[in-house]
């Protein structure tokens, strides 16, 4: 009987030890589950933030592309306008020189007559 009682006590100690280990593991599981829940929430926030930034980046890229296209057209138009003005100015300058030459020759002719 004494040996049986000792075996029962030993089984109870093993059970209590196992129960303590189980309780500790359950606490660890609960802690890890809480951490996983927190990390999932953080992950979702980061995903949303990244998606918003990607959307903004796409808008910036589109605006920059459109602006560069408009700038190229503006530069081309400016070059055409400058070329046209240069041609017009060159033509007018030639006409002015012709007029000055004509006036000088007329002036010279008139001064000879005097």
C-alpha atoms as a PDB file:
ATOM      1  CA  UNK A   1       0.000   0.000   0.000  1.00  0.00           C
ATOM      2  CA  UNK A   2       2.801   2.365   0.817  1.00  0.00           C
ATOM      3  CA  UNK A   3       4.369   1.815  -2.553  1.00  0.00           C
ATOM      4  CA  UNK A   4       1.085   2.433  -4.317  1.00  0.00           C
ATOM      5  CA  UNK A   5       0.608   5.645  -2.370  1.00  0.00           C
ATOM      6  CA  UNK A   6       4.140   6.754  -3.372  1.00  0.00           C
ATOM      7  CA  UNK A   7       3.423   5.983  -7.014  1.00  0.00           C
ATOM      8  CA  UNK A   8       0.212   8.007  -6.855  1.00  0.00           C
ATOM      9  CA  UNK A   9       2.106  10.943  -5.285  1.00  0.00           C
ATOM     10  CA  UNK A  10       4.752  10.672  -7.963  1.00  0.00           C
ATOM     11  CA  UNK A  11       2.084  10.669 -10.688  1.00  0.00           C
ATOM     12  CA  UNK A  12       0.481  13.744  -9.091  1.00  0.00           C
ATOM     13  CA  UNK A  13       3.850  15.573  -9.086  1.00  0.00           C
ATOM     14  CA  UNK A  14       4.409  14.690 -12.726  1.00  0.00           C
ATOM     15  CA  UNK A  15       0.881  15.839 -13.526  1.00  0.00           C
ATOM     16  CA  UNK A  16       1.427  19.151 -11.676  1.00  0.00           C
ATOM     17  CA  UNK A  17       4.737  19.673 -13.438  1.00  0.00           C
ATOM     18  CA  UNK A  18       3.133  18.960 -16.810  1.00  0.00           C
ATOM     19  CA  UNK A  19       0.231  21.267 -15.932  1.00  0.00           C
ATOM     20  CA  UNK A  20       2.696  24.095 -15.129  1.00  0.00           C
ATOM     21  CA  UNK A  21       4.507  23.533 -18.414  1.00  0.00           C
ATOM     22  CA  UNK A  22       1.185  23.491 -20.270  1.00  0.00           C
ATOM     23  CA  UNK A  23       0.074  26.716 -18.583  1.00  0.00           C
ATOM     24  CA  UNK A  24       3.375  28.373 -19.530  1.00  0.00           C
ATOM     25  CA  UNK A  25       3.062  27.174 -23.141  1.00  0.00           C
ATOM     26  CA  UNK A  26      -0.528  28.425 -23.338  1.00  0.00           C
ATOM     27  CA  UNK A  27       0.674  31.810 -22.097  1.00  0.00           C
ATOM     28  CA  UNK A  28       3.394  31.774 -24.771  1.00  0.00           C
ATOM     29  CA  UNK A  29       0.857  30.813 -27.433  1.00  0.00           C
ATOM     30  CA  UNK A  30      -1.434  33.602 -26.314  1.00  0.00           C
ATOM     31  CA  UNK A  31       1.448  36.083 -26.369  1.00  0.00           C
ATOM     32  CA  UNK A  32       2.530  34.984 -29.841  1.00  0.00           C
ATOM     33  CA  UNK A  33      -1.062  35.152 -31.121  1.00  0.00           C
ATOM     34  CA  UNK A  34      -1.366  38.695 -29.763  1.00  0.00           C
ATOM     35  CA  UNK A  35       1.899  39.635 -31.442  1.00  0.00           C
ATOM     36  CA  UNK A  36       0.713  38.074 -34.721  1.00  0.00           C
ATOM     37  CA  UNK A  37      -2.541  40.050 -34.519  1.00  0.00           C
ATOM     38  CA  UNK A  38      -0.598  43.267 -33.900  1.00  0.00           C
ATOM     39  CA  UNK A  39       1.828  42.504 -36.745  1.00  0.00           C
ATOM     40  CA  UNK A  40      -1.048  41.739 -39.138  1.00  0.00           C
ATOM     41  CA  UNK A  41      -2.612  45.096 -38.273  1.00  0.00           C
ATOM     42  CA  UNK A  42       0.748  46.824 -38.828  1.00  0.00           C
ATOM     43  CA  UNK A  43       1.200  44.975 -42.113  1.00  0.00           C
ATOM     44  CA  UNK A  44      -2.205  46.104 -43.334  1.00  0.00           C
ATOM     45  CA  UNK A  45      -1.404  49.725 -42.422  1.00  0.00           C
ATOM     46  CA  UNK A  46       1.881  49.498 -44.333  1.00  0.00           C
ATOM     47  CA  UNK A  47       0.142  47.968 -47.355  1.00  0.00           C
ATOM     48  CA  UNK A  48      -2.467  50.733 -47.409  1.00  0.00           C
ATOM     49  CA  UNK A  49       0.229  53.386 -47.017  1.00  0.00           C
ATOM     50  CA  UNK A  50       2.305  51.859 -49.820  1.00  0.00           C
ATOM     51  CA  UNK A  51      -0.731  51.663 -52.113  1.00  0.00           C
ATOM     52  CA  UNK A  52      -1.507  55.341 -51.471  1.00  0.00           C
ATOM     53  CA  UNK A  53       2.096  56.302 -52.190  1.00  0.00           C
ATOM     54  CA  UNK A  54       2.104  54.222 -55.409  1.00  0.00           C
ATOM     55  CA  UNK A  55      -1.055  56.007 -56.519  1.00  0.00           C
ATOM     56  CA  UNK A  56       0.471  59.420 -55.790  1.00  0.00           C
ATOM     57  CA  UNK A  57       3.671  58.404 -57.558  1.00  0.00           C
ATOM     58  CA  UNK A  58       1.660  57.424 -60.633  1.00  0.00           C
ATOM     59  CA  UNK A  59      -0.061  60.826 -60.593  1.00  0.00           C
ATOM     60  CA  UNK A  60       3.274  62.628 -60.259  1.00  0.00           C
ATOM     61  CA  UNK A  61       4.719  60.619 -63.152  1.00  0.00           C
ATOM     62  CA  UNK A  62       1.705  61.442 -65.334  1.00  0.00           C
ATOM     63  CA  UNK A  63       1.894  65.166 -64.496  1.00  0.00           C
ATOM     64  CA  UNK A  64       5.637  65.229 -65.162  1.00  0.00           C
ATOM     65  CA  UNK A  65       5.207  63.405 -68.476  1.00  0.00           C
ATOM     66  CA  UNK A  66       2.453  65.801 -69.589  1.00  0.00           C
ATOM     67  CA  UNK A  67       4.477  68.819 -68.450  1.00  0.00           C
ATOM     68  CA  UNK A  68       7.566  67.642 -70.314  1.00  0.00           C
ATOM     69  CA  UNK A  69       5.470  67.145 -73.459  1.00  0.00           C
ATOM     70  CA  UNK A  70       4.027  70.652 -73.135  1.00  0.00           C
ATOM     71  CA  UNK A  71       7.505  72.044 -72.536  1.00  0.00           C
ATOM     72  CA  UNK A  72       8.833  70.381 -75.689  1.00  0.00           C
ATOM     73  CA  UNK A  73       5.955  71.867 -77.715  1.00  0.00           C
ATOM     74  CA  UNK A  74       6.580  75.275 -76.155  1.00  0.00           C
ATOM     75  CA  UNK A  75      10.283  75.126 -77.008  1.00  0.00           C
ATOM     76  CA  UNK A  76       9.471  74.071 -80.579  1.00  0.00           C
ATOM     77  CA  UNK A  77       6.943  76.887 -80.948  1.00  0.00           C
ATOM     78  CA  UNK A  78       9.408  79.392 -79.513  1.00  0.00           C
ATOM     79  CA  UNK A  79      12.054  78.254 -81.987  1.00  0.00           C
ATOM     80  CA  UNK A  80       9.609  78.617 -84.889  1.00  0.00           C
ATOM     81  CA  UNK A  81       8.579  82.081 -83.682  1.00  0.00           C
ATOM     82  CA  UNK A  82      12.201  83.150 -83.269  1.00  0.00           C
ATOM     83  CA  UNK A  83      13.013  81.902 -86.756  1.00  0.00           C
ATOM     84  CA  UNK A  84      10.044  83.749 -88.234  1.00  0.00           C
ATOM     85  CA  UNK A  85      10.986  86.940 -86.397  1.00  0.00           C
ATOM     86  CA  UNK A  86      14.591  86.619 -87.579  1.00  0.00           C
ATOM     87  CA  UNK A  87      13.418  86.246 -91.196  1.00  0.00           C
ATOM     88  CA  UNK A  88      11.073  89.203 -90.834  1.00  0.00           C
ATOM     89  CA  UNK A  89      13.770  91.320 -89.208  1.00  0.00           C
ATOM     90  CA  UNK A  90      16.319  90.329 -91.853  1.00  0.00           C
ATOM     91  CA  UNK A  91      13.867  91.253 -94.601  1.00  0.00           C
ATOM     92  CA  UNK A  92      13.075  94.598 -92.971  1.00  0.00           C
ATOM     93  CA  UNK A  93      16.748  95.320 -92.355  1.00  0.00           C
ATOM     94  CA  UNK A  94      17.466  94.719 -96.027  1.00  0.00           C
ATOM     95  CA  UNK A  95      14.624  97.059 -96.967  1.00  0.00           C
ATOM     96  CA  UNK A  96      15.933  99.723 -94.571  1.00  0.00           C
ATOM     97  CA  UNK A  97      19.422  99.455 -96.069  1.00  0.00           C
ATOM     98  CA  UNK A  98      17.955  99.723 -99.558  1.00  0.00           C
ATOM     99  CA  UNK A  99      15.983 102.801 -98.497  1.00  0.00           C
ATOM    100  CA  UNK A 100      19.054 104.384 -96.865  1.00  0.00           C
ATOM    101  CA  UNK A 101      21.095 103.652 -99.965  1.00  0.00           C
ATOM    102  CA  UNK A 102      18.409 105.155-102.156  1.00  0.00           C
ATOM    103  CA  UNK A 103      18.121 108.255 -99.940  1.00  0.00           C
ATOM    104  CA  UNK A 104      21.893 108.692 -99.860  1.00  0.00           C
ATOM    105  CA  UNK A 105      22.124 108.458-103.615  1.00  0.00           C
ATOM    106  CA  UNK A 106      19.227 110.897-104.024  1.00  0.00           C
ATOM    107  CA  UNK A 107      20.803 113.235-101.537  1.00  0.00           C
ATOM    108  CA  UNK A 108      24.088 113.041-103.407  1.00  0.00           C
ATOM    109  CA  UNK A 109      22.337 113.715-106.705  1.00  0.00           C
ATOM    110  CA  UNK A 110      20.493 116.669-105.199  1.00  0.00           C
ATOM    111  CA  UNK A 111      23.673 118.089-103.732  1.00  0.00           C
ATOM    112  CA  UNK A 112      25.327 117.904-107.190  1.00  0.00           C
ATOM    113  CA  UNK A 113      22.503 119.892-108.694  1.00  0.00           C
ATOM    114  CA  UNK A 114      22.985 122.746-106.244  1.00  0.00           C
END
